[in-house]
Amino acid sequence: MPTTHLLYLHGFRSSPQSMKARLMAERVAQRHPGVHWWCPQLPPSPREAMDLVMRGIAPWPRDTMAVIGSSLGGFYATYVAAMTGCPAVLLNPAVDPARDLARHIGDQTAWHDPAQHFYFQPAFIEELRTLEIGPVDRPERVFAIVAKGDEVLDWREMSARYPGSRVRLLEGGDHALSDFETKHLVDVLRFLDPV
């Protein structure tokens, strides 16, 4: 069934101003104006981020919604997909952010606006652990794009996390998926089959 509601979840220190989020928003607006698009600015607290998201999508139709997540947003998108049964596209998804972000406790700057600061609290690590889920119930509803050249996350971990799912493993590439517009955007939309 075609997607009518599409959620995009950005990564750690990122925002709706990320390159991939903006490209997706523009393409959805141009080619699929009937699709309800939402890319919220996520708070640093994982619990607050998921509370915001789950409240926001509460009225959405479960059978025609989908989620896209990048990096930490991919971890969140895996949780959303597990809670709703919706399809998910994961872009270099974080697999164990509780472990990986433990070294980032303290003052952080926003990627797209270095003047904007936030404090990543030790309590957020436990909040991330509470969002961990086991194997994906419906792996056929997951499409992961994983770059071997990701300088932040381990591609082996990412590709092994989603057995039975469609995983596009890229030779080279980078964490940001700099070639997203030219190489992946069309396939992401095709997977989600928006109206």
Protein backbone atom coordinates (compact mmCIF):
# COMPACT_ATOMS: atom_id res chain seq x y z
CA MET A 1 0.00 0.00 0.00
CA PRO A 2 1.38 3.44 -0.84
CA THR A 3 2.78 5.66 1.90
CA THR A 4 0.53 8.54 2.96
CA HIS A 5 2.47 9.69 6.07
CA LEU A 6 6.26 9.87 6.16
CA LEU A 7 8.41 10.51 9.23
CA TYR A 8 12.09 11.46 8.97
CA LEU A 9 14.35 11.18 12.03
CA HIS A 10 17.73 12.93 11.96
CA GLY A 11 20.92 11.87 13.69
CA PHE A 12 22.91 12.96 16.73
CA ARG A 13 23.76 16.70 16.67
CA SER A 14 21.79 16.96 13.44
CA SER A 15 18.51 18.64 12.53
CA PRO A 16 15.76 18.91 9.90
CA GLN A 17 18.34 21.06 8.05
CA SER A 18 20.51 18.04 7.24
CA MET A 19 21.21 17.46 3.57
CA LYS A 20 19.26 14.19 3.41
CA ALA A 21 16.26 15.56 5.34
CA ARG A 22 16.05 18.63 3.08
CA LEU A 23 16.39 16.56 -0.10
CA MET A 24 13.65 14.17 1.05
CA ALA A 25 11.37 17.05 2.07
CA GLU A 26 11.83 18.78 -1.29
CA ARG A 27 11.25 15.61 -3.31
CA VAL A 28 8.16 14.65 -1.34
CA ALA A 29 6.73 18.18 -1.70
CA GLN A 30 7.43 18.28 -5.45
CA ARG A 31 6.45 14.78 -6.53
CA HIS A 32 4.16 13.52 -3.77
CA PRO A 33 2.28 16.55 -2.41
CA GLY A 34 -0.43 14.31 -0.95
CA VAL A 35 2.02 12.70 1.47
CA HIS A 36 2.06 14.11 5.00
CA TRP A 37 5.73 14.85 5.78
CA TRP A 38 7.11 15.36 9.28
CA CYS A 39 10.73 15.86 10.27
CA PRO A 40 10.78 17.11 13.86
CA GLN A 41 13.76 18.65 15.62
CA LEU A 42 14.53 15.93 18.15
CA PRO A 43 15.50 16.90 21.70
CA PRO A 44 18.81 15.52 23.05
CA SER A 45 16.99 13.26 25.53
CA PRO A 46 16.16 9.95 23.78
CA ARG A 47 13.12 9.50 26.03
CA GLU A 48 11.82 12.97 25.18
CA ALA A 49 12.62 12.43 21.49
CA MET A 50 10.59 9.22 21.33
CA ASP A 51 7.77 10.71 23.42
CA LEU A 52 7.56 13.59 20.92
CA VAL A 53 7.59 11.21 17.94
CA MET A 54 5.10 8.69 19.32
CA ARG A 55 2.68 11.48 20.29
CA GLY A 56 3.07 13.08 16.86
CA ILE A 57 2.36 9.88 14.93
CA ALA A 58 -0.40 8.63 17.27
CA PRO A 59 -3.20 9.59 14.84
CA TRP A 60 -1.34 8.36 11.75
CA PRO A 61 -2.69 5.32 9.86
CA ARG A 62 -0.41 2.40 10.73
CA ASP A 63 -0.95 0.64 7.40
CA THR A 64 0.14 3.61 5.25
CA MET A 65 2.83 5.33 7.34
CA ALA A 66 6.60 4.88 6.99
CA VAL A 67 9.76 6.10 8.71
CA ILE A 68 13.23 7.08 7.50
CA GLY A 69 16.09 7.44 9.96
CA SER A 70 19.72 8.45 9.60
CA SER A 71 22.45 7.42 12.06
CA LEU A 72 20.95 7.82 15.57
CA GLY A 73 17.67 8.49 13.74
CA GLY A 74 18.06 5.01 12.22
CA PHE A 75 18.15 3.53 15.72
CA TYR A 76 15.03 5.55 16.57
CA ALA A 77 13.37 4.52 13.28
CA THR A 78 13.97 0.85 14.15
CA TYR A 79 12.11 1.45 17.42
CA VAL A 80 9.25 3.28 15.65
CA ALA A 81 8.94 0.48 13.09
CA ALA A 82 8.83 -2.11 15.88
CA MET A 83 6.11 -0.18 17.73
CA THR A 84 3.96 0.52 14.66
CA GLY A 85 4.73 -2.25 12.15
CA CYS A 86 5.47 0.36 9.48
CA PRO A 87 8.20 0.09 6.82
CA ALA A 88 11.55 1.71 7.62
CA VAL A 89 14.45 3.04 5.58
CA LEU A 90 17.66 3.22 7.60
CA LEU A 91 20.61 5.32 6.44
CA ASN A 92 23.86 4.25 8.12
CA PRO A 93 21.83 3.39 11.24
CA ALA A 94 23.36 3.46 14.71
CA VAL A 95 23.27 -0.05 16.19
CA ASP A 96 24.49 0.52 19.76
CA PRO A 97 24.22 4.25 20.49
CA ALA A 98 24.30 3.70 24.26
CA ARG A 99 27.84 2.40 23.85
CA ASP A 100 28.91 4.81 21.11
CA LEU A 101 27.53 8.02 22.60
CA ALA A 102 28.91 7.38 26.12
CA ARG A 103 32.08 9.21 25.04
CA HIS A 104 30.02 12.24 23.97
CA ILE A 105 28.60 13.09 27.40
CA GLY A 106 28.99 16.81 27.99
CA ASP A 107 28.53 20.01 26.04
CA GLN A 108 27.78 19.49 22.35
CA THR A 109 27.22 21.83 19.42
CA ALA A 110 24.58 21.41 16.74
CA TRP A 111 26.06 20.28 13.42
CA HIS A 112 24.17 22.82 11.30
CA ASP A 113 24.46 25.69 13.77
CA PRO A 114 27.62 25.57 15.92
CA ALA A 115 26.31 28.52 17.93
CA GLN A 116 23.59 26.22 19.27
CA HIS A 117 24.71 24.14 22.26
CA PHE A 118 23.13 21.32 24.21
CA TYR A 119 24.29 19.14 27.07
CA PHE A 120 24.30 15.38 26.48
CA GLN A 121 23.58 13.99 29.94
CA PRO A 122 24.83 10.69 31.43
CA ALA A 123 21.16 9.73 32.03
CA PHE A 124 20.60 9.72 28.26
CA ILE A 125 22.70 6.54 27.94
CA GLU A 126 20.19 4.57 30.01
CA GLU A 127 17.35 6.17 28.04
CA LEU A 128 18.93 4.80 24.87
CA ARG A 129 19.18 1.33 26.42
CA THR A 130 15.44 1.31 27.15
CA LEU A 131 14.76 1.86 23.42
CA GLU A 132 16.79 -1.16 22.31
CA ILE A 133 14.76 -3.86 20.62
CA GLY A 134 15.71 -7.36 19.57
CA PRO A 135 15.49 -8.76 16.06
CA VAL A 136 13.17 -6.92 13.68
CA ASP A 137 9.77 -8.67 13.49
CA ARG A 138 9.21 -7.95 9.80
CA PRO A 139 12.65 -7.73 8.18
CA GLU A 140 11.15 -7.52 4.70
CA ARG A 141 9.80 -4.09 5.65
CA VAL A 142 13.30 -2.70 6.29
CA PHE A 143 15.67 -1.22 3.70
CA ALA A 144 19.09 -0.27 5.07
CA ILE A 145 21.74 1.66 3.16
CA VAL A 146 25.15 1.03 4.70
CA ALA A 147 28.44 2.57 3.57
CA LYS A 148 31.64 0.62 4.13
CA GLY A 149 33.42 3.98 4.14
CA ASP A 150 31.37 5.28 7.10
CA GLU A 151 33.90 7.08 9.28
CA VAL A 152 31.64 7.06 12.37
CA LEU A 153 29.90 3.67 12.52
CA ASP A 154 31.07 0.11 11.77
CA TRP A 155 29.50 -1.14 8.53
CA ARG A 156 29.82 -4.77 9.67
CA GLU A 157 27.69 -4.08 12.72
CA MET A 158 25.13 -2.14 10.70
CA SER A 159 24.71 -4.77 8.00
CA ALA A 160 24.60 -7.65 10.53
CA ARG A 161 21.87 -5.91 12.58
CA TYR A 162 19.16 -6.45 9.97
CA PRO A 163 19.28 -10.09 8.77
CA GLY A 164 16.60 -10.87 6.21
CA SER A 165 16.18 -7.18 5.36
CA ARG A 166 17.15 -5.50 2.14
CA VAL A 167 20.64 -4.11 2.83
CA ARG A 168 22.44 -2.04 0.21
CA LEU A 169 26.11 -2.30 1.13
CA LEU A 170 28.13 0.45 -0.50
CA GLU A 171 31.81 0.13 -1.32
CA GLY A 172 33.31 3.35 0.06
CA GLY A 173 30.84 6.13 0.73
CA ASP A 174 30.72 8.12 3.96
CA HIS A 175 28.59 8.59 7.06
CA ALA A 176 26.62 11.46 5.53
CA LEU A 177 25.90 9.48 2.33
CA SER A 178 27.08 12.45 0.29
CA ASP A 179 25.80 10.79 -2.88
CA PHE A 180 22.29 10.38 -1.45
CA GLU A 181 20.56 12.57 -4.04
CA THR A 182 22.13 10.99 -7.10
CA LYS A 183 22.43 7.36 -5.98
CA HIS A 184 19.81 6.54 -3.34
CA LEU A 185 16.90 8.98 -3.15
CA VAL A 186 14.89 7.38 -5.97
CA ASP A 187 15.29 3.89 -4.50
CA VAL A 188 14.25 5.08 -1.05
CA LEU A 189 11.04 6.50 -2.51
CA ARG A 190 10.48 3.40 -4.62
CA PHE A 191 10.80 1.19 -1.52
CA LEU A 192 8.22 3.32 0.29
CA ASP A 193 6.04 3.56 -2.84
CA PRO A 194 4.48 6.93 -1.98
CA VAL A 195 1.29 7.98 -3.74
